[in-house]
Amino acid sequence: MLRVKSKVWLECDGKLVLGDGRFRLLAAIEETGSINMAAKQLNMSFRHAWSYLRSSEQNLGMRLVERRKGGRDGGGSVLTAEAKILIHRLQQLNQKVKVFTDTQYGNIFKHYRGK
């Protein structure tokens, strides 16, 4: 069956800030409280996750994750308030794009039956 798909990501000056993979990483950090645990949950190396975060923060010019080093009380990571707003707004945008795309697809391809 023929279906329409769309993909949304955010760039700053042509450099990737937040796409699906980075969005999922931030959501997993929020859930687990740890970059390392989030990376494991997503079957991603810690190094790769760290690279995603560093690149996004650099391209955006702001912190997305507050990191606490390990030690006696343990470490951890939490999303900054700005990161929470950013991922919430990207979720809203994705939903609106999906509704728009589905509607337009229905209008434009309504007579096409496909397999």
C-alpha atoms as a PDB file:
ATOM      1  CA  MET A   1       0.000   0.000   0.000  1.00  0.00           C
ATOM      2  CA  LEU A   2       1.260   3.444  -0.904  1.00  0.00           C
ATOM      3  CA  ARG A   3       1.876   5.756   2.063  1.00  0.00           C
ATOM      4  CA  VAL A   4       3.379   9.184   2.588  1.00  0.00           C
ATOM      5  CA  LYS A   5       6.222   9.807   5.042  1.00  0.00           C
ATOM      6  CA  SER A   6       7.829  13.025   6.166  1.00  0.00           C
ATOM      7  CA  LYS A   7      10.807  13.865   8.303  1.00  0.00           C
ATOM      8  CA  VAL A   8      11.485  17.039  10.253  1.00  0.00           C
ATOM      9  CA  TRP A   9      14.754  18.171  11.800  1.00  0.00           C
ATOM     10  CA  LEU A  10      16.121  21.438  13.110  1.00  0.00           C
ATOM     11  CA  GLU A  11      19.221  23.153  11.791  1.00  0.00           C
ATOM     12  CA  CYS A  12      21.051  26.284  12.827  1.00  0.00           C
ATOM     13  CA  ASP A  13      23.067  27.981  10.075  1.00  0.00           C
ATOM     14  CA  GLY A  14      22.844  24.793   8.018  1.00  0.00           C
ATOM     15  CA  LYS A  15      24.143  22.560  10.830  1.00  0.00           C
ATOM     16  CA  LEU A  16      22.039  19.812  12.392  1.00  0.00           C
ATOM     17  CA  VAL A  17      20.737  20.581  15.856  1.00  0.00           C
ATOM     18  CA  LEU A  18      17.939  18.114  16.439  1.00  0.00           C
ATOM     19  CA  GLY A  19      16.616  15.248  14.346  1.00  0.00           C
ATOM     20  CA  ASP A  20      14.978  11.949  15.171  1.00  0.00           C
ATOM     21  CA  GLY A  21      18.081  10.269  16.609  1.00  0.00           C
ATOM     22  CA  ARG A  22      19.066  13.213  18.777  1.00  0.00           C
ATOM     23  CA  PHE A  23      15.457  13.662  19.847  1.00  0.00           C
ATOM     24  CA  ARG A  24      15.303  10.024  20.982  1.00  0.00           C
ATOM     25  CA  LEU A  25      18.611  10.440  22.810  1.00  0.00           C
ATOM     26  CA  LEU A  26      17.368  13.480  24.735  1.00  0.00           C
ATOM     27  CA  ALA A  27      14.112  11.700  25.576  1.00  0.00           C
ATOM     28  CA  ALA A  28      16.070   8.676  26.841  1.00  0.00           C
ATOM     29  CA  ILE A  29      18.330  10.915  28.952  1.00  0.00           C
ATOM     30  CA  GLU A  30      15.218  12.485  30.464  1.00  0.00           C
ATOM     31  CA  GLU A  31      13.833   9.019  31.211  1.00  0.00           C
ATOM     32  CA  THR A  32      17.008   7.414  32.587  1.00  0.00           C
ATOM     33  CA  GLY A  33      18.855  10.378  34.091  1.00  0.00           C
ATOM     34  CA  SER A  34      22.046   9.195  32.418  1.00  0.00           C
ATOM     35  CA  ILE A  35      23.758   9.666  29.060  1.00  0.00           C
ATOM     36  CA  ASN A  36      25.339   6.222  29.386  1.00  0.00           C
ATOM     37  CA  MET A  37      22.060   4.471  30.205  1.00  0.00           C
ATOM     38  CA  ALA A  38      20.256   6.389  27.453  1.00  0.00           C
ATOM     39  CA  ALA A  39      22.899   5.314  24.932  1.00  0.00           C
ATOM     40  CA  LYS A  40      22.569   1.679  26.016  1.00  0.00           C
ATOM     41  CA  GLN A  41      18.781   1.883  25.770  1.00  0.00           C
ATOM     42  CA  LEU A  42      19.155   3.086  22.169  1.00  0.00           C
ATOM     43  CA  ASN A  43      21.868   0.532  21.295  1.00  0.00           C
ATOM     44  CA  MET A  44      24.293   3.404  20.752  1.00  0.00           C
ATOM     45  CA  SER A  45      27.822   3.746  22.048  1.00  0.00           C
ATOM     46  CA  PHE A  46      28.435   6.287  24.788  1.00  0.00           C
ATOM     47  CA  ARG A  47      30.958   7.959  22.510  1.00  0.00           C
ATOM     48  CA  HIS A  48      28.379   8.330  19.739  1.00  0.00           C
ATOM     49  CA  ALA A  49      25.784   9.733  22.168  1.00  0.00           C
ATOM     50  CA  TRP A  50      28.323  12.158  23.587  1.00  0.00           C
ATOM     51  CA  SER A  51      29.238  13.266  20.056  1.00  0.00           C
ATOM     52  CA  TYR A  52      25.552  13.894  19.241  1.00  0.00           C
ATOM     53  CA  LEU A  53      25.128  16.017  22.350  1.00  0.00           C
ATOM     54  CA  ARG A  54      28.320  17.995  21.933  1.00  0.00           C
ATOM     55  CA  SER A  55      27.562  18.688  18.263  1.00  0.00           C
ATOM     56  CA  SER A  56      23.962  19.770  18.937  1.00  0.00           C
ATOM     57  CA  GLU A  57      24.984  22.035  21.806  1.00  0.00           C
ATOM     58  CA  GLN A  58      27.746  23.573  19.731  1.00  0.00           C
ATOM     59  CA  ASN A  59      25.516  24.130  16.691  1.00  0.00           C
ATOM     60  CA  LEU A  60      22.735  25.583  18.806  1.00  0.00           C
ATOM     61  CA  GLY A  61      24.972  27.644  21.053  1.00  0.00           C
ATOM     62  CA  MET A  62      23.401  26.450  24.303  1.00  0.00           C
ATOM     63  CA  ARG A  63      23.475  23.592  26.767  1.00  0.00           C
ATOM     64  CA  LEU A  64      20.915  20.842  26.343  1.00  0.00           C
ATOM     65  CA  VAL A  65      22.095  18.563  29.147  1.00  0.00           C
ATOM     66  CA  GLU A  66      23.428  19.326  32.607  1.00  0.00           C
ATOM     67  CA  ARG A  67      25.988  16.705  33.580  1.00  0.00           C
ATOM     68  CA  ARG A  68      26.989  15.691  37.084  1.00  0.00           C
ATOM     69  CA  LYS A  69      30.231  13.759  37.423  1.00  0.00           C
ATOM     70  CA  GLY A  70      30.206  10.448  39.249  1.00  0.00           C
ATOM     71  CA  GLY A  71      31.613   9.973  42.670  1.00  0.00           C
ATOM     72  CA  ARG A  72      30.331   8.969  46.068  1.00  0.00           C
ATOM     73  CA  ASP A  73      26.806  10.143  45.265  1.00  0.00           C
ATOM     74  CA  GLY A  74      26.963   8.975  41.655  1.00  0.00           C
ATOM     75  CA  GLY A  75      26.676  11.059  38.530  1.00  0.00           C
ATOM     76  CA  GLY A  76      23.863  11.696  36.172  1.00  0.00           C
ATOM     77  CA  SER A  77      22.440  13.976  33.543  1.00  0.00           C
ATOM     78  CA  VAL A  78      19.284  16.020  33.249  1.00  0.00           C
ATOM     79  CA  LEU A  79      17.856  18.027  30.393  1.00  0.00           C
ATOM     80  CA  THR A  80      18.058  21.774  30.692  1.00  0.00           C
ATOM     81  CA  ALA A  81      14.813  23.740  30.713  1.00  0.00           C
ATOM     82  CA  GLU A  82      15.666  24.943  27.202  1.00  0.00           C
ATOM     83  CA  ALA A  83      16.103  21.356  25.969  1.00  0.00           C
ATOM     84  CA  LYS A  84      12.722  20.346  27.407  1.00  0.00           C
ATOM     85  CA  ILE A  85      11.069  23.253  25.605  1.00  0.00           C
ATOM     86  CA  LEU A  86      12.922  22.436  22.379  1.00  0.00           C
ATOM     87  CA  ILE A  87      11.898  18.767  22.297  1.00  0.00           C
ATOM     88  CA  HIS A  88       8.316  19.621  23.265  1.00  0.00           C
ATOM     89  CA  ARG A  89       8.077  22.123  20.410  1.00  0.00           C
ATOM     90  CA  LEU A  90       9.630  19.671  17.972  1.00  0.00           C
ATOM     91  CA  GLN A  91       6.995  17.113  19.003  1.00  0.00           C
ATOM     92  CA  GLN A  92       4.287  19.700  18.333  1.00  0.00           C
ATOM     93  CA  LEU A  93       5.788  20.563  14.946  1.00  0.00           C
ATOM     94  CA  ASN A  94       6.098  16.900  13.966  1.00  0.00           C
ATOM     95  CA  GLN A  95       2.455  16.298  14.814  1.00  0.00           C
ATOM     96  CA  LYS A  96       1.296  19.312  12.788  1.00  0.00           C
ATOM     97  CA  VAL A  97       3.478  18.290   9.826  1.00  0.00           C
ATOM     98  CA  LYS A  98       2.051  14.748   9.984  1.00  0.00           C
ATOM     99  CA  VAL A  99      -1.545  16.011   9.985  1.00  0.00           C
ATOM    100  CA  PHE A 100      -0.820  18.415   7.115  1.00  0.00           C
ATOM    101  CA  THR A 101       1.050  15.792   5.086  1.00  0.00           C
ATOM    102  CA  ASP A 102      -1.625  13.140   5.613  1.00  0.00           C
ATOM    103  CA  THR A 103      -4.364  15.591   4.582  1.00  0.00           C
ATOM    104  CA  GLN A 104      -2.526  16.759   1.479  1.00  0.00           C
ATOM    105  CA  TYR A 105      -1.646  13.184   0.534  1.00  0.00           C
ATOM    106  CA  GLY A 106      -5.309  12.215   0.827  1.00  0.00           C
ATOM    107  CA  ASN A 107      -6.342  15.122  -1.390  1.00  0.00           C
ATOM    108  CA  ILE A 108      -3.661  14.686  -4.031  1.00  0.00           C
ATOM    109  CA  PHE A 109      -3.582  10.862  -4.226  1.00  0.00           C
ATOM    110  CA  LYS A 110      -7.268  10.130  -3.550  1.00  0.00           C
ATOM    111  CA  HIS A 111      -7.761   8.453  -6.944  1.00  0.00           C
ATOM    112  CA  TYR A 112      -4.586   6.378  -6.829  1.00  0.00           C
ATOM    113  CA  ARG A 113      -5.128   2.855  -5.569  1.00  0.00           C
ATOM    114  CA  GLY A 114      -1.659   1.306  -5.703  1.00  0.00           C
ATOM    115  CA  LYS A 115      -1.188  -2.312  -4.595  1.00  0.00           C
END
